[in-house]
Protein backbone atom coordinates (compact mmCIF):
# COMPACT_ATOMS: atom_id res chain seq x y z
CA MET A 1 -9.10 31.08 10.68
CA SER A 2 -8.49 29.67 14.14
CA LEU A 3 -5.04 28.79 15.40
CA MET A 4 -6.03 25.15 15.85
CA LEU A 5 -7.20 24.87 12.24
CA ARG A 6 -3.97 26.49 11.05
CA LEU A 7 -1.88 24.03 13.07
CA GLU A 8 -3.88 21.09 11.74
CA MET A 9 -3.48 22.30 8.16
CA LEU A 10 0.25 22.87 8.66
CA THR A 11 0.68 19.35 10.04
CA PHE A 12 -1.45 17.83 7.29
CA SER A 13 0.34 19.64 4.49
CA LEU A 14 3.83 18.83 5.76
CA ILE A 15 2.95 15.15 6.24
CA LEU A 16 1.32 15.01 2.79
CA ILE A 17 4.30 16.61 1.07
CA PHE A 18 6.74 14.34 2.93
CA ILE A 19 4.80 11.17 2.06
CA ILE A 20 4.40 12.09 -1.62
CA ILE A 21 8.07 13.03 -2.03
CA ARG A 22 9.12 9.81 -0.32
CA MET A 23 6.86 7.72 -2.59
CA VAL A 24 8.23 9.47 -5.68
CA ASN A 25 11.80 8.81 -4.49
CA LYS A 26 11.00 5.11 -3.98
CA ASN A 27 9.37 4.94 -7.45
CA ILE A 28 5.99 4.02 -5.97
CA PHE A 29 4.39 7.10 -7.57
CA SER A 30 5.47 8.86 -10.72
CA LEU A 31 6.05 12.57 -10.44
CA LYS A 32 3.39 13.18 -13.09
CA LYS A 33 0.70 11.28 -11.16
CA SER A 34 1.65 12.76 -7.80
CA SER A 35 1.75 16.41 -8.89
CA PRO A 36 -1.90 17.18 -7.95
CA TRP A 37 -1.24 15.89 -4.44
CA LEU A 38 1.95 17.95 -4.14
CA LEU A 39 0.02 21.00 -5.32
CA LEU A 40 -2.61 20.30 -2.66
CA GLY A 41 0.09 20.20 0.02
CA ILE A 42 1.60 23.45 -1.24
CA ALA A 43 -1.86 25.07 -1.38
CA CYS A 44 -2.46 24.06 2.24
CA LEU A 45 0.88 25.57 3.23
CA PHE A 46 -0.08 28.74 1.37
CA MET A 47 -3.38 28.88 3.27
CA VAL A 48 -1.56 28.49 6.60
CA ILE A 49 0.88 31.28 5.76
CA PHE A 50 -1.80 33.63 4.38
CA PRO A 51 -5.03 32.81 6.27
CA ASP A 52 -6.59 36.14 5.35
CA MET A 53 -6.66 35.03 1.70
CA VAL A 54 -8.89 32.07 2.66
CA VAL A 55 -11.23 34.40 4.53
CA TRP A 56 -11.27 36.82 1.60
CA PHE A 57 -12.03 34.07 -0.95
CA SER A 58 -14.73 32.56 1.24
CA ASN A 59 -16.38 35.96 1.66
CA ALA A 60 -16.02 36.76 -2.04
CA LEU A 61 -17.72 33.47 -2.96
CA SER A 62 -20.45 34.03 -0.31
CA PHE A 63 -19.57 31.14 2.00
CA LYS A 64 -20.79 31.46 5.58
CA SER A 65 -17.41 30.50 7.03
CA PRO A 66 -13.89 29.75 5.79
CA MET A 67 -14.31 26.15 6.94
CA ASN A 68 -17.23 25.68 4.53
CA PHE A 69 -15.05 27.08 1.76
CA LEU A 70 -12.27 24.61 2.64
CA PHE A 71 -14.71 21.68 2.64
CA PHE A 72 -16.06 22.78 -0.72
CA GLY A 73 -12.52 23.08 -2.10
CA ALA A 74 -11.69 19.58 -0.85
CA LEU A 75 -14.86 18.21 -2.44
CA VAL A 76 -14.08 19.84 -5.79
CA PHE A 77 -10.47 18.57 -5.65
CA LEU A 78 -11.58 15.00 -4.96
CA LEU A 79 -14.23 15.17 -7.67
CA LEU A 80 -11.65 16.33 -10.23
CA MET A 81 -9.24 13.59 -9.14
CA GLN A 82 -11.98 10.98 -9.59
CA ILE A 83 -12.81 12.28 -13.06
CA LEU A 84 -9.12 12.14 -13.98
CA ASN A 85 -8.80 8.59 -12.61
CA THR A 86 -11.89 7.48 -14.55
CA TYR A 87 -10.45 8.95 -17.74
CA LEU A 88 -7.09 7.24 -17.22
CA SER A 89 -8.74 3.94 -16.34
CA THR A 90 -10.94 4.02 -19.44
CA ARG A 91 -7.94 4.80 -21.63
CA ARG A 92 -5.95 1.99 -20.01
CA ASP A 93 -8.83 -0.46 -20.55
CA GLY A 94 -8.87 0.44 -24.24
CA ASN A 95 -5.12 -0.15 -24.49
CA VAL A 96 -5.42 -3.53 -22.74
CA LYS A 97 -8.23 -4.57 -25.09
CA LYS A 98 -6.13 -3.57 -28.10
CA LEU A 99 -3.12 -5.51 -26.79
CA VAL A 100 -5.21 -8.63 -26.15
CA GLN A 101 -6.53 -8.48 -29.71
CA GLU A 102 -3.01 -8.09 -31.13
CA ILE A 103 -1.74 -11.03 -29.05
CA SER A 104 -4.64 -13.18 -30.25
CA LEU A 105 -3.85 -12.34 -33.87
CA LEU A 106 -0.17 -13.13 -33.33
CA LYS A 107 -1.03 -16.47 -31.71
CA ALA A 108 -3.24 -17.33 -34.67
CA LYS A 109 -0.41 -16.50 -37.09
CA ILE A 110 2.03 -18.63 -35.07
CA LYS A 111 -0.36 -21.59 -35.17
CA LYS A 112 -0.73 -21.21 -38.94
CA ILE A 113 3.03 -21.17 -39.38
CA GLU A 114 3.44 -24.20 -37.07
CA LYS A 115 0.86 -26.15 -39.08
CA LYS A 116 2.67 -25.35 -42.34
CA LEU A 117 5.99 -26.43 -40.85
CA LEU A 118 4.53 -29.69 -39.51
CA LYS A 119 3.01 -30.57 -42.91
CA LYS A 120 6.43 -30.45 -44.56
């Protein structure tokens, strides 16, 4: 792995970790939701410290170069994050639908009670 790539990865990982920790401290992100991004930053730091491991993994998985392996890893990470976001969004949509239905039922009950009270 070239020195320039290592410096870029070091800069990227430190900035990523700093931004995520700052957002967690300001309650913009929850720690649970930001943990994959923190793990990515730590993984990048690990790759900078042990660049031979990246070369070994890329050779073991038959990639032509370590850079191709890193691009593939980034693609897989983003794909998994999108699948997770789709799952969470679908679950949230179901919860919203359920809440809207419960509110509608409660409004109907309130109207019934108001009509009974007005008749008396």
